[in-house]
N, C-alpha and C. Protein backbone atom coordinates (compact mmCIF):
# COMPACT_ATOMS: atom_id res chain seq x y z
N MET A 1 11.91 76.12 -22.64
CA MET A 1 11.91 75.51 -23.68
C MET A 1 10.72 75.84 -24.96
N SER A 2 12.21 75.74 -26.20
CA SER A 2 11.65 76.54 -27.28
C SER A 2 10.60 75.18 -27.91
N ALA A 3 9.63 76.14 -28.63
CA ALA A 3 8.58 75.37 -29.49
C ALA A 3 9.32 74.29 -30.13
N ALA A 4 10.44 74.79 -31.23
CA ALA A 4 11.26 73.67 -31.82
C ALA A 4 11.58 72.15 -30.88
N LEU A 5 11.89 72.53 -29.90
CA LEU A 5 12.53 71.66 -28.82
C LEU A 5 11.32 71.04 -28.53
N LYS A 6 10.01 71.21 -28.34
CA LYS A 6 8.97 70.88 -27.64
C LYS A 6 8.69 69.90 -28.67
N SER A 7 8.97 70.52 -30.29
CA SER A 7 8.16 69.53 -31.28
C SER A 7 8.98 68.40 -31.60
N ASN A 8 10.53 68.19 -31.45
CA ASN A 8 11.41 67.45 -31.30
C ASN A 8 11.00 66.06 -30.69
N GLN A 9 11.11 66.76 -29.63
CA GLN A 9 10.80 65.61 -28.20
C GLN A 9 9.50 64.60 -28.67
N LYS A 10 8.22 65.89 -28.94
CA LYS A 10 7.25 65.12 -29.27
C LYS A 10 7.32 63.93 -30.39
N GLY A 11 8.29 64.02 -31.32
CA GLY A 11 8.64 63.45 -32.65
C GLY A 11 9.28 62.42 -32.18
N LEU A 12 10.16 62.19 -31.19
CA LEU A 12 10.88 60.93 -30.93
C LEU A 12 10.25 60.42 -29.80
N LEU A 13 9.17 60.87 -29.24
CA LEU A 13 7.98 60.06 -28.12
C LEU A 13 7.43 59.11 -28.88
N LEU A 14 6.88 60.14 -30.06
CA LEU A 14 5.85 59.31 -31.11
C LEU A 14 6.46 58.62 -31.59
N VAL A 15 7.99 58.15 -32.68
CA VAL A 15 8.52 57.59 -32.91
C VAL A 15 8.91 56.06 -31.81
N PHE A 16 9.29 55.98 -31.14
CA PHE A 16 9.27 55.29 -30.35
C PHE A 16 7.89 54.75 -29.84
N ALA A 17 6.89 55.02 -29.54
CA ALA A 17 5.79 54.46 -29.17
C ALA A 17 5.09 53.88 -30.80
N ALA A 18 5.18 54.22 -31.41
CA ALA A 18 5.11 53.20 -32.87
C ALA A 18 6.01 51.85 -32.99
N ALA A 19 7.75 52.26 -33.00
CA ALA A 19 8.18 50.98 -33.03
C ALA A 19 7.72 50.08 -31.98
N LEU A 20 7.19 50.60 -30.63
CA LEU A 20 6.90 49.66 -29.28
C LEU A 20 5.84 48.64 -29.93
N PHE A 21 4.70 49.66 -30.67
CA PHE A 21 3.39 49.04 -30.92
C PHE A 21 3.87 48.21 -32.06
N MET A 22 4.76 48.36 -33.36
CA MET A 22 5.03 47.58 -34.14
C MET A 22 6.08 46.08 -33.33
N SER A 23 6.85 46.40 -32.51
CA SER A 23 7.43 45.33 -31.81
C SER A 23 6.78 44.28 -31.13
N ILE A 24 5.41 44.38 -30.89
CA ILE A 24 4.56 43.60 -30.29
C ILE A 24 3.97 42.62 -31.08
N GLY A 25 4.05 42.89 -32.66
CA GLY A 25 3.78 42.34 -33.21
C GLY A 25 4.18 40.39 -33.65
N GLY A 26 6.17 40.53 -33.34
CA GLY A 26 6.39 39.47 -33.88
C GLY A 26 6.07 38.61 -32.56
N LEU A 27 5.60 38.85 -31.29
CA LEU A 27 5.19 38.11 -30.46
C LEU A 27 3.64 37.28 -30.30
N CYS A 28 3.08 38.58 -30.57
CA CYS A 28 1.50 38.01 -31.43
C CYS A 28 1.28 37.15 -32.28
N VAL A 29 2.08 37.26 -33.56
CA VAL A 29 2.10 36.99 -34.72
C VAL A 29 2.15 35.16 -33.78
N LYS A 30 3.41 34.89 -33.48
CA LYS A 30 3.78 33.72 -32.81
C LYS A 30 2.94 32.84 -31.84
N MET A 31 1.81 33.59 -31.22
CA MET A 31 1.29 33.14 -30.70
C MET A 31 -0.35 32.98 -30.96
N ILE A 32 -0.65 32.60 -32.51
CA ILE A 32 -1.87 33.07 -32.89
C ILE A 32 -1.35 31.83 -34.22
N PRO A 33 -1.45 30.57 -33.63
CA PRO A 33 -1.52 29.07 -34.42
C PRO A 33 -2.22 29.14 -35.69
N TRP A 34 -2.04 29.96 -36.72
CA TRP A 34 -3.15 30.49 -37.70
C TRP A 34 -1.66 30.67 -38.92
N GLN A 35 -2.39 30.17 -40.61
CA GLN A 35 -1.30 30.88 -41.39
C GLN A 35 -1.31 32.15 -41.32
N ALA A 36 0.27 32.50 -42.09
CA ALA A 36 0.48 33.86 -42.12
C ALA A 36 -0.72 34.84 -42.38
N LEU A 37 -1.15 34.17 -43.94
CA LEU A 37 -1.96 35.26 -44.61
C LEU A 37 -3.39 34.87 -43.97
N SER A 38 -3.53 34.18 -43.18
CA SER A 38 -4.75 34.31 -41.94
C SER A 38 -4.66 35.38 -41.36
N ILE A 39 -3.80 34.93 -40.43
CA ILE A 39 -3.24 36.36 -39.34
C ILE A 39 -3.32 37.71 -40.09
N ASN A 40 -2.88 37.93 -41.23
CA ASN A 40 -2.81 38.72 -41.43
C ASN A 40 -4.07 39.96 -42.28
N SER A 41 -4.99 38.59 -42.75
CA SER A 41 -6.32 39.07 -43.27
C SER A 41 -6.81 39.57 -41.64
N PHE A 42 -7.31 38.68 -40.64
CA PHE A 42 -7.77 39.23 -39.81
C PHE A 42 -7.60 40.51 -38.90
N ARG A 43 -5.88 40.69 -38.83
CA ARG A 43 -5.86 42.02 -38.25
C ARG A 43 -6.04 43.13 -39.68
N SER A 44 -6.02 42.83 -40.28
CA SER A 44 -5.80 43.91 -41.54
C SER A 44 -7.80 44.28 -41.44
N LEU A 45 -8.57 43.43 -41.64
CA LEU A 45 -9.93 43.65 -41.68
C LEU A 45 -10.13 44.82 -40.19
N LEU A 46 -9.54 44.62 -39.20
CA LEU A 46 -9.41 45.13 -37.85
C LEU A 46 -9.43 46.42 -37.92
N SER A 47 -8.28 46.25 -38.58
CA SER A 47 -7.33 47.92 -38.69
C SER A 47 -8.25 48.92 -39.67
N VAL A 48 -8.69 47.92 -40.83
CA VAL A 48 -9.86 48.57 -41.82
C VAL A 48 -11.05 49.66 -40.91
N VAL A 49 -11.15 48.84 -39.68
CA VAL A 49 -12.61 49.31 -39.38
C VAL A 49 -12.15 50.55 -38.36
N VAL A 50 -11.01 50.40 -37.56
CA VAL A 50 -10.45 51.58 -36.76
C VAL A 50 -9.68 52.63 -37.85
N LEU A 51 -9.11 52.86 -38.87
CA LEU A 51 -8.53 53.62 -39.30
C LEU A 51 -10.20 54.40 -39.86
N LEU A 52 -11.42 53.23 -40.67
CA LEU A 52 -12.15 54.12 -40.98
C LEU A 52 -12.93 54.90 -39.43
N ALA A 53 -13.00 54.29 -38.70
CA ALA A 53 -13.76 55.25 -37.39
C ALA A 53 -12.72 56.64 -37.66
N PHE A 54 -12.01 56.54 -37.49
CA PHE A 54 -10.69 57.69 -37.20
C PHE A 54 -11.01 58.88 -38.20
N ALA A 55 -10.96 58.39 -39.55
CA ALA A 55 -11.24 59.07 -40.82
C ALA A 55 -13.43 59.68 -40.75
N ARG A 56 -13.53 59.39 -39.96
CA ARG A 56 -14.79 59.52 -40.23
C ARG A 56 -14.98 60.67 -38.95
N LEU A 57 -14.43 60.36 -38.12
CA LEU A 57 -14.42 61.26 -36.47
C LEU A 57 -13.85 62.71 -37.07
N SER A 58 -12.90 62.24 -37.63
CA SER A 58 -11.65 63.30 -37.98
C SER A 58 -12.15 64.32 -39.60
N HIS A 59 -13.26 63.47 -40.34
CA HIS A 59 -13.81 64.42 -41.22
C HIS A 59 -12.96 64.26 -42.26
N HIS A 60 -11.87 63.01 -42.34
CA HIS A 60 -10.89 63.14 -43.50
C HIS A 60 -11.90 62.43 -44.97
N ARG A 61 -11.49 63.08 -45.89
CA ARG A 61 -12.34 62.55 -47.17
C ARG A 61 -11.63 61.59 -48.05
N LEU A 62 -12.34 60.85 -48.19
CA LEU A 62 -11.24 59.42 -48.58
C LEU A 62 -11.06 59.53 -49.83
N ARG A 63 -10.34 59.42 -50.66
CA ARG A 63 -9.80 59.80 -51.88
C ARG A 63 -8.73 58.56 -52.66
N LEU A 64 -8.77 58.45 -53.55
CA LEU A 64 -7.74 57.64 -54.92
C LEU A 64 -6.88 58.70 -55.53
N SER A 65 -5.88 58.21 -55.66
CA SER A 65 -4.77 58.80 -56.86
C SER A 65 -3.78 58.01 -56.84
N PRO A 66 -2.81 57.96 -57.83
CA PRO A 66 -1.19 57.19 -58.33
C PRO A 66 -0.82 57.28 -56.59
N GLY A 67 -0.65 58.52 -55.66
CA GLY A 67 0.25 58.46 -54.54
C GLY A 67 -0.30 57.36 -53.59
N VAL A 68 -1.82 57.58 -53.44
CA VAL A 68 -2.47 56.91 -52.57
C VAL A 68 -2.16 55.23 -53.43
N LEU A 69 -2.67 55.28 -54.04
CA LEU A 69 -2.55 53.60 -54.43
C LEU A 69 -1.02 53.09 -54.34
N LEU A 70 0.32 53.87 -54.72
CA LEU A 70 1.02 53.39 -54.15
C LEU A 70 1.40 53.32 -52.87
N GLY A 71 0.94 53.90 -52.01
CA GLY A 71 1.32 53.96 -50.65
C GLY A 71 0.17 52.59 -50.58
N GLY A 72 -0.68 52.58 -50.73
CA GLY A 72 -1.35 51.12 -50.11
C GLY A 72 -0.90 49.90 -50.44
N LEU A 73 -0.32 49.81 -51.62
CA LEU A 73 0.60 48.46 -51.56
C LEU A 73 1.71 48.83 -51.11
N ALA A 74 2.49 49.57 -50.60
CA ALA A 74 3.75 49.44 -49.85
C ALA A 74 3.42 49.17 -48.16
N VAL A 75 2.38 49.43 -47.86
CA VAL A 75 2.05 48.74 -46.66
C VAL A 75 1.35 47.62 -46.95
N PHE A 76 0.47 47.13 -47.65
CA PHE A 76 0.25 45.89 -47.71
C PHE A 76 1.56 45.16 -48.04
N GLY A 77 2.17 45.45 -48.80
CA GLY A 77 3.62 44.58 -48.78
C GLY A 77 4.45 44.38 -47.58
N ALA A 78 4.70 45.71 -46.69
CA ALA A 78 5.31 45.61 -45.26
C ALA A 78 4.10 44.65 -44.59
N THR A 79 3.37 44.89 -44.61
CA THR A 79 2.47 44.13 -43.42
C THR A 79 2.21 42.44 -43.95
N THR A 80 1.96 42.72 -45.01
CA THR A 80 1.79 40.74 -45.34
C THR A 80 3.49 39.75 -45.22
N LEU A 81 4.16 40.83 -45.90
CA LEU A 81 5.76 40.43 -45.36
C LEU A 81 6.17 39.71 -44.44
N TYR A 82 6.12 40.83 -43.70
CA TYR A 82 6.03 41.05 -42.26
C TYR A 82 5.85 39.68 -41.32
N THR A 83 4.44 39.56 -41.43
CA THR A 83 3.66 38.30 -41.07
C THR A 83 4.23 37.03 -41.47
N VAL A 84 4.63 37.09 -42.64
CA VAL A 84 4.72 36.08 -43.68
C VAL A 84 6.03 35.18 -42.79
N ALA A 85 7.51 36.64 -42.79
CA ALA A 85 8.46 36.30 -42.06
C ALA A 85 8.72 35.88 -40.84
N ASN A 86 7.81 35.99 -39.96
CA ASN A 86 7.25 35.93 -38.48
C ASN A 86 6.86 34.19 -38.36
N LYS A 87 6.62 34.00 -39.50
CA LYS A 87 6.26 32.32 -39.62
C LYS A 87 7.28 31.78 -39.80
N MET A 88 8.31 32.32 -40.51
CA MET A 88 9.62 31.35 -41.46
C MET A 88 11.01 31.66 -40.63
N THR A 89 10.94 32.98 -39.78
CA THR A 89 12.41 32.69 -38.85
C THR A 89 11.99 33.43 -37.27
N THR A 90 12.51 33.50 -36.67
CA THR A 90 12.50 34.37 -35.31
C THR A 90 11.18 35.35 -35.42
N ALA A 91 10.69 35.59 -34.61
CA ALA A 91 10.21 36.89 -34.52
C ALA A 91 11.10 38.10 -33.94
N GLY A 92 12.23 38.48 -33.00
CA GLY A 92 13.18 39.27 -33.69
C GLY A 92 13.73 39.28 -34.63
N ASN A 93 14.40 38.15 -35.27
CA ASN A 93 14.75 38.45 -36.73
C ASN A 93 14.07 39.31 -37.59
N ALA A 94 12.75 39.01 -37.73
CA ALA A 94 11.59 39.48 -38.43
C ALA A 94 11.51 40.92 -38.21
N VAL A 95 11.89 41.50 -37.00
CA VAL A 95 11.49 42.73 -36.52
C VAL A 95 12.65 43.11 -36.51
N LEU A 96 13.80 43.26 -36.44
CA LEU A 96 14.95 43.69 -36.71
C LEU A 96 15.31 43.59 -38.33
N LEU A 97 15.06 42.68 -38.77
CA LEU A 97 15.76 42.65 -40.16
C LEU A 97 14.63 43.39 -40.98
N GLN A 98 13.17 43.85 -40.60
CA GLN A 98 12.50 44.79 -41.44
C GLN A 98 12.78 46.24 -41.14
N PHE A 99 13.50 46.31 -39.91
CA PHE A 99 14.12 47.94 -39.87
C PHE A 99 15.32 48.42 -40.65
N THR A 100 15.45 47.14 -41.42
CA THR A 100 16.32 48.14 -42.41
C THR A 100 15.32 48.85 -43.46
N ALA A 101 14.91 48.87 -43.12
CA ALA A 101 14.05 50.53 -44.12
C ALA A 101 14.69 51.38 -43.59
N PRO A 102 15.29 51.80 -43.29
CA PRO A 102 16.31 53.43 -43.21
C PRO A 102 17.11 52.92 -44.47
N ILE A 103 17.73 52.19 -44.36
CA ILE A 103 18.65 52.12 -45.47
C ILE A 103 18.31 52.29 -46.93
N PHE A 104 16.70 51.57 -47.25
CA PHE A 104 16.06 51.56 -48.55
C PHE A 104 15.19 52.94 -48.67
N VAL A 105 15.41 53.62 -47.24
CA VAL A 105 14.86 55.45 -47.53
C VAL A 105 15.53 56.35 -47.96
N ILE A 106 17.18 56.06 -47.75
CA ILE A 106 18.00 56.51 -47.96
C ILE A 106 18.58 56.16 -49.09
N LEU A 107 18.41 55.16 -50.14
CA LEU A 107 18.81 54.71 -51.60
C LEU A 107 17.73 55.72 -51.95
N PHE A 108 16.27 55.06 -51.94
CA PHE A 108 15.40 55.44 -52.68
C PHE A 108 15.20 56.57 -52.80
N SER A 109 15.03 57.50 -52.09
CA SER A 109 15.44 59.13 -51.36
C SER A 109 16.51 59.47 -52.92
N TRP A 110 17.87 58.53 -52.51
CA TRP A 110 18.87 59.20 -53.46
C TRP A 110 18.59 59.08 -54.65
N LEU A 111 18.12 57.55 -55.39
CA LEU A 111 17.84 57.41 -56.91
C LEU A 111 16.69 57.45 -57.13
N VAL A 112 15.78 58.37 -56.34
CA VAL A 112 14.62 58.80 -57.10
C VAL A 112 14.12 60.14 -57.27
N PHE A 113 14.34 60.54 -55.78
CA PHE A 113 14.06 61.94 -55.87
C PHE A 113 15.16 63.09 -55.51
N ARG A 114 16.56 62.28 -55.83
CA ARG A 114 17.58 63.43 -56.37
C ARG A 114 17.77 63.49 -54.79
N GLU A 115 17.44 63.08 -53.38
CA GLU A 115 18.01 63.98 -52.44
C GLU A 115 19.39 63.25 -51.57
N LYS A 116 20.30 63.88 -51.98
CA LYS A 116 21.78 63.20 -51.41
C LYS A 116 21.76 63.42 -49.87
N PRO A 117 22.22 61.83 -49.30
CA PRO A 117 22.40 61.69 -47.85
C PRO A 117 23.59 62.12 -47.51
N HIS A 118 23.27 62.88 -46.21
CA HIS A 118 24.30 63.17 -45.54
C HIS A 118 25.39 62.31 -44.80
N ARG A 119 26.26 62.51 -44.34
CA ARG A 119 27.68 61.59 -43.97
C ARG A 119 26.96 60.92 -42.51
N ARG A 120 26.25 61.68 -42.39
CA ARG A 120 25.93 60.65 -41.24
C ARG A 120 25.07 59.44 -41.59
N ASP A 121 24.39 59.78 -42.21
CA ASP A 121 23.06 59.13 -42.53
C ASP A 121 23.69 58.32 -43.23
N ILE A 122 24.91 57.92 -44.09
CA ILE A 122 25.42 57.01 -44.58
C ILE A 122 26.14 55.76 -43.65
N VAL A 123 27.08 56.38 -42.58
CA VAL A 123 27.29 55.87 -41.35
C VAL A 123 26.29 54.91 -40.89
N ALA A 124 24.89 55.86 -40.51
CA ALA A 124 24.27 55.10 -40.04
C ALA A 124 23.75 53.02 -40.56
N CYS A 125 23.41 54.18 -41.87
CA CYS A 125 23.71 53.12 -42.42
C CYS A 125 24.34 51.36 -42.68
N LEU A 126 25.63 52.11 -42.91
CA LEU A 126 26.35 50.91 -42.86
C LEU A 126 26.58 50.19 -41.49
N CYS A 127 26.20 50.84 -40.11
CA CYS A 127 26.18 50.11 -39.29
C CYS A 127 25.00 49.18 -39.15
N VAL A 128 23.81 49.79 -39.34
CA VAL A 128 22.46 48.71 -39.62
C VAL A 128 22.49 47.54 -40.84
N PHE A 129 23.58 48.09 -42.12
CA PHE A 129 23.98 47.07 -42.70
C PHE A 129 24.94 45.71 -42.57
N GLY A 130 25.88 46.38 -41.24
CA GLY A 130 26.83 45.39 -40.57
C GLY A 130 25.66 44.47 -39.87
N GLY A 131 25.17 44.89 -39.11
CA GLY A 131 24.13 44.40 -37.84
C GLY A 131 23.15 43.52 -38.67
N GLY A 132 22.75 43.72 -40.30
CA GLY A 132 22.07 42.74 -40.98
C GLY A 132 22.66 41.63 -41.04
N CYS A 133 24.11 42.11 -41.70
CA CYS A 133 24.69 40.96 -42.40
C CYS A 133 24.86 39.78 -41.04
N CYS A 134 25.18 39.95 -39.99
CA CYS A 134 25.41 39.03 -38.96
C CYS A 134 24.16 38.26 -38.53
N PHE A 135 22.83 38.54 -38.71
CA PHE A 135 21.84 38.33 -39.09
C PHE A 135 21.97 37.45 -39.89
N PHE A 136 22.07 36.93 -41.23
CA PHE A 136 22.28 36.55 -42.46
C PHE A 136 23.02 35.30 -41.90
N LEU A 137 24.42 35.55 -41.42
CA LEU A 137 25.64 34.46 -41.44
C LEU A 137 24.67 33.78 -40.49
N ASP A 138 24.21 33.85 -39.21
CA ASP A 138 23.81 33.16 -37.84
C ASP A 138 22.74 32.43 -38.63
N SER A 139 21.99 32.52 -39.67
CA SER A 139 20.81 31.79 -40.34
C SER A 139 21.36 30.84 -41.25
N LEU A 140 22.54 30.72 -41.23
CA LEU A 140 23.38 29.79 -42.86
C LEU A 140 22.94 28.70 -42.31
N GLY A 141 22.49 27.77 -43.23
CA GLY A 141 21.90 26.14 -42.31
C GLY A 141 20.94 25.69 -41.57
N SER A 142 20.53 26.78 -40.57
CA SER A 142 19.05 27.55 -39.62
C SER A 142 18.27 26.77 -40.05
N GLY A 143 17.97 27.10 -41.18
CA GLY A 143 16.37 26.93 -41.90
C GLY A 143 16.11 28.45 -41.85
N ARG A 144 16.53 29.18 -41.41
CA ARG A 144 15.68 30.24 -41.13
C ARG A 144 16.20 31.46 -42.49
N LEU A 145 17.21 31.01 -43.10
CA LEU A 145 17.52 32.86 -44.52
C LEU A 145 16.76 33.05 -44.64
N ALA A 146 15.30 31.70 -45.71
CA ALA A 146 14.32 32.37 -46.57
C ALA A 146 13.41 33.63 -45.61
N GLY A 147 13.23 33.19 -44.87
CA GLY A 147 12.46 34.18 -43.62
C GLY A 147 13.38 35.20 -43.11
N ASP A 148 14.31 35.19 -43.35
CA ASP A 148 15.23 36.85 -42.77
C ASP A 148 15.00 37.28 -44.32
N VAL A 149 15.68 36.60 -45.59
CA VAL A 149 15.32 37.22 -46.62
C VAL A 149 13.69 38.11 -47.05
N VAL A 150 13.05 37.20 -46.84
CA VAL A 150 11.40 38.03 -47.14
C VAL A 150 11.39 39.13 -45.65
N ALA A 151 11.92 39.57 -44.86
CA ALA A 151 11.82 40.28 -43.76
C ALA A 151 12.96 41.30 -44.12
N VAL A 152 13.60 41.27 -44.74
CA VAL A 152 14.07 42.44 -45.65
C VAL A 152 13.46 43.09 -47.08
N ILE A 153 12.69 41.92 -47.60
CA ILE A 153 11.54 43.11 -48.46
C ILE A 153 10.82 43.58 -47.94
N ALA A 154 10.38 42.92 -46.95
CA ALA A 154 9.16 43.83 -46.10
C ALA A 154 9.64 44.85 -45.87
N GLY A 155 11.17 44.67 -45.26
CA GLY A 155 11.72 46.44 -45.15
C GLY A 155 11.96 47.22 -46.48
N VAL A 156 12.02 46.64 -47.36
CA VAL A 156 11.95 47.53 -48.31
C VAL A 156 10.59 48.05 -48.67
N SER A 157 9.87 47.61 -48.49
CA SER A 157 8.08 47.75 -48.91
C SER A 157 8.44 49.15 -47.38
N TYR A 158 8.67 48.73 -46.37
CA TYR A 158 8.30 49.63 -45.00
C TYR A 158 8.77 50.99 -45.23
N CYS A 159 10.33 50.90 -46.17
CA CYS A 159 10.49 51.93 -46.29
C CYS A 159 9.84 52.98 -47.14
N TRP A 160 8.86 52.64 -48.11
CA TRP A 160 8.10 53.35 -49.01
C TRP A 160 6.88 53.78 -47.84
N VAL A 161 6.69 53.12 -46.85
CA VAL A 161 5.79 53.60 -45.67
C VAL A 161 5.71 54.81 -45.37
N PHE A 162 7.26 54.73 -45.12
CA PHE A 162 7.97 56.28 -44.34
C PHE A 162 8.15 56.91 -45.70
N MET A 163 8.29 57.14 -47.19
CA MET A 163 8.31 57.84 -47.78
C MET A 163 6.56 57.75 -49.22
N MET A 164 5.47 57.94 -47.94
CA MET A 164 4.41 58.17 -49.09
C MET A 164 3.85 59.40 -49.54
N ASN A 165 4.47 60.09 -47.85
CA ASN A 165 4.14 61.78 -48.23
C ASN A 165 4.52 62.36 -49.90
N LYS A 166 5.67 61.97 -50.08
CA LYS A 166 6.69 62.34 -51.24
C LYS A 166 6.07 61.80 -52.39
N LEU A 167 4.93 61.01 -52.42
CA LEU A 167 4.33 60.65 -53.32
C LEU A 167 3.58 61.29 -54.07
N PRO A 168 3.16 61.51 -55.58
CA PRO A 168 1.90 62.09 -55.89
C PRO A 168 0.61 62.07 -55.60
N GLY A 169 -0.24 63.12 -55.15
CA GLY A 169 -1.21 62.89 -54.48
C GLY A 169 -1.14 62.37 -53.11
N ALA A 170 -0.07 62.41 -52.39
CA ALA A 170 -0.15 61.30 -51.22
C ALA A 170 -1.12 61.89 -50.34
N ASP A 171 -2.12 60.98 -49.63
CA ASP A 171 -2.46 60.88 -48.42
C ASP A 171 -2.03 59.28 -47.52
N PRO A 172 -1.15 59.83 -46.66
CA PRO A 172 -0.91 58.64 -45.52
C PRO A 172 -2.18 57.36 -45.39
N LEU A 173 -3.34 58.29 -44.72
CA LEU A 173 -4.24 57.70 -44.23
C LEU A 173 -5.07 56.54 -45.39
N CYS A 174 -5.44 57.07 -46.25
CA CYS A 174 -6.59 56.21 -46.96
C CYS A 174 -5.28 55.29 -47.73
N SER A 175 -3.80 55.61 -47.81
CA SER A 175 -3.18 54.34 -48.53
C SER A 175 -2.68 53.58 -47.44
N ALA A 176 -3.27 54.11 -45.94
CA ALA A 176 -3.21 52.92 -44.77
C ALA A 176 -4.69 51.87 -44.99
N ILE A 177 -5.49 52.52 -45.14
CA ILE A 177 -7.01 52.22 -45.44
C ILE A 177 -7.22 50.85 -46.58
N LEU A 178 -6.47 51.74 -47.54
CA LEU A 178 -6.38 50.56 -48.94
C LEU A 178 -5.60 48.98 -48.45
N GLY A 179 -4.06 49.72 -48.08
CA GLY A 179 -3.27 48.51 -47.81
C GLY A 179 -3.58 47.41 -47.15
N HIS A 180 -4.12 48.27 -46.10
CA HIS A 180 -4.78 47.00 -44.94
C HIS A 180 -6.03 46.35 -45.60
N GLY A 181 -6.85 46.82 -46.42
CA GLY A 181 -8.04 46.67 -46.98
C GLY A 181 -7.39 45.30 -48.05
N LEU A 182 -6.48 45.59 -49.06
CA LEU A 182 -5.97 44.47 -49.86
C LEU A 182 -5.76 43.41 -49.09
N GLY A 183 -4.78 43.37 -47.53
CA GLY A 183 -4.12 42.52 -46.78
C GLY A 183 -5.54 41.79 -46.43
N GLY A 184 -6.67 42.41 -46.06
CA GLY A 184 -7.72 41.75 -45.41
C GLY A 184 -8.12 40.81 -46.72
N LEU A 185 -8.68 40.89 -47.78
CA LEU A 185 -9.06 40.16 -49.16
C LEU A 185 -8.39 39.19 -49.25
N VAL A 186 -6.83 39.79 -49.59
CA VAL A 186 -6.23 38.29 -49.95
C VAL A 186 -6.01 36.59 -48.75
N GLY A 187 -5.95 37.54 -47.80
CA GLY A 187 -6.10 36.59 -46.72
C GLY A 187 -7.35 35.65 -46.58
N LEU A 188 -8.34 36.59 -46.74
CA LEU A 188 -9.19 36.04 -46.45
C LEU A 188 -10.08 34.02 -46.70
N PRO A 189 -9.43 34.12 -47.49
CA PRO A 189 -9.80 32.46 -47.56
C PRO A 189 -8.95 31.76 -47.36
N SER A 190 -7.80 32.04 -47.06
CA SER A 190 -7.27 31.13 -45.63
C SER A 190 -7.84 31.83 -44.56
N LEU A 191 -8.08 32.11 -43.98
CA LEU A 191 -8.91 32.50 -42.74
C LEU A 191 -9.78 32.14 -42.84
N VAL A 192 -11.09 31.59 -43.62
CA VAL A 192 -12.60 31.31 -43.40
C VAL A 192 -12.08 29.58 -43.28
N GLN A 193 -11.05 29.15 -43.49
CA GLN A 193 -10.71 27.77 -43.05
C GLN A 193 -10.02 27.65 -41.97
N GLU A 194 -9.56 28.35 -41.23
CA GLU A 194 -8.90 27.96 -39.99
C GLU A 194 -10.20 27.49 -39.15
N SER A 195 -9.31 26.75 -37.52
CA SER A 195 -10.54 26.47 -37.00
C SER A 195 -10.06 27.15 -35.34
N GLN A 196 -8.75 26.78 -35.30
CA GLN A 196 -8.38 27.10 -33.71
C GLN A 196 -9.21 28.85 -33.91
N PHE A 197 -10.12 29.70 -33.04
CA PHE A 197 -10.32 30.67 -32.82
C PHE A 197 -10.48 30.58 -31.20
N THR A 198 -9.16 30.48 -30.30
CA THR A 198 -9.09 30.38 -29.27
C THR A 198 -8.81 31.81 -28.58
N PRO A 199 -9.02 32.22 -27.82
CA PRO A 199 -9.17 33.40 -27.13
C PRO A 199 -7.73 33.78 -26.80
N THR A 200 -7.00 33.07 -26.61
CA THR A 200 -5.17 33.85 -27.06
C THR A 200 -5.30 34.02 -28.62
N ALA A 201 -5.37 33.48 -29.18
CA ALA A 201 -5.81 33.83 -31.00
C ALA A 201 -6.28 34.93 -30.90
N LEU A 202 -7.87 34.93 -30.52
CA LEU A 202 -8.42 36.37 -30.86
C LEU A 202 -7.92 37.45 -30.23
N THR A 203 -7.18 37.31 -28.84
CA THR A 203 -6.92 38.45 -28.49
C THR A 203 -5.60 39.00 -29.05
N CYS A 204 -4.69 38.20 -29.40
CA CYS A 204 -3.43 38.65 -29.64
C CYS A 204 -4.19 39.30 -31.34
N GLY A 205 -4.84 38.86 -32.06
CA GLY A 205 -5.20 39.16 -33.20
C GLY A 205 -5.82 40.96 -33.29
N VAL A 206 -6.64 40.80 -32.23
CA VAL A 206 -7.01 42.10 -32.11
C VAL A 206 -6.00 42.91 -31.61
N LEU A 207 -5.17 42.64 -30.57
CA LEU A 207 -3.99 43.56 -30.45
C LEU A 207 -3.17 44.21 -31.50
N LEU A 208 -2.82 43.16 -32.74
CA LEU A 208 -2.12 43.34 -34.01
C LEU A 208 -3.08 44.33 -34.85
N GLY A 209 -4.39 44.33 -34.58
CA GLY A 209 -5.53 45.07 -35.91
C GLY A 209 -5.68 46.26 -35.16
N VAL A 210 -6.00 46.01 -33.95
CA VAL A 210 -6.57 47.68 -32.85
C VAL A 210 -5.41 48.20 -32.81
N VAL A 211 -4.20 47.62 -31.79
CA VAL A 211 -3.58 48.41 -31.07
C VAL A 211 -1.94 48.49 -32.06
N GLN A 212 -1.38 47.32 -32.68
CA GLN A 212 -0.52 47.59 -32.99
C GLN A 212 -0.38 48.14 -34.33
N MET A 213 -1.32 47.52 -35.58
CA MET A 213 -1.53 48.51 -36.92
C MET A 213 -2.49 49.57 -36.54
N GLY A 214 -3.32 49.51 -35.86
CA GLY A 214 -4.13 50.71 -36.15
C GLY A 214 -3.60 52.35 -35.30
N LEU A 215 -2.80 52.11 -34.37
CA LEU A 215 -2.17 52.94 -34.12
C LEU A 215 -0.71 53.70 -34.41
N ALA A 216 -0.21 52.13 -34.93
CA ALA A 216 0.97 52.59 -35.26
C ALA A 216 1.28 53.46 -36.57
N TYR A 217 -0.17 53.23 -37.41
CA TYR A 217 0.07 54.65 -38.54
C TYR A 217 -0.79 55.58 -37.88
C-alpha cells in the first residue's frame, strides 16, 4: 500500500472520528436541563483546560494574530450557535444543518480566496442544499424554523473553522483555545445561575467539553 493511500485512509478515519464526536453533541445538549449559553460555557471552559494541557505537552507556543482572532471567532460562533440551535430545534436538525458548512466552504473559497470549485464539488453542494431545503419545509409551522436558521448560521461559522489555515498568521490550536475561552466567558453569568447540577448533566457536560470538543479540534 502506497504512502499516499495510507495517508488518505488515515485522513478519512480522522474525519469519521471527528464527525462521531461532533454528533454526540446533540444528544448531550438535550440531556442537560440548562440554558444554551450555560451549557456552552461549561463545556467550553473544560475544552480550554484540555487544549491548554495539550499545548503545554506539545510545547506549542500560544500567540495572537489576525488569523488566530478570526479563527477564534469562528470557533466561538460555531460552538455557541450550535448549542443554541439544539435547544430551539431537534438535535438531528441542528447537527445535520450545521453540516451545510461544505457549501459555505466552497462559496467563500471562491469569493474570498479565488479558488474555483470543481464540478463534483458543485454537484455535492447542490445535493446538500436540496437536503437542507427539505428540513426547512418540514419545519414550517412546527415552531422549529428559527432553530433551523440558527443551525445554518452555525454552519457558516463552522465553515471558517475548516478554513482557519487559510487565514493570515493562522494557528488552529490557538484559535480553538481563544474561541472556547470566549464561549466560556460569555455564558458564565448564565452558568452560575443554574441549580440542577445533576450527575447526568455533569456527565454530559464533561463529554461535551472533554470528548466532543477537546478531541474534535
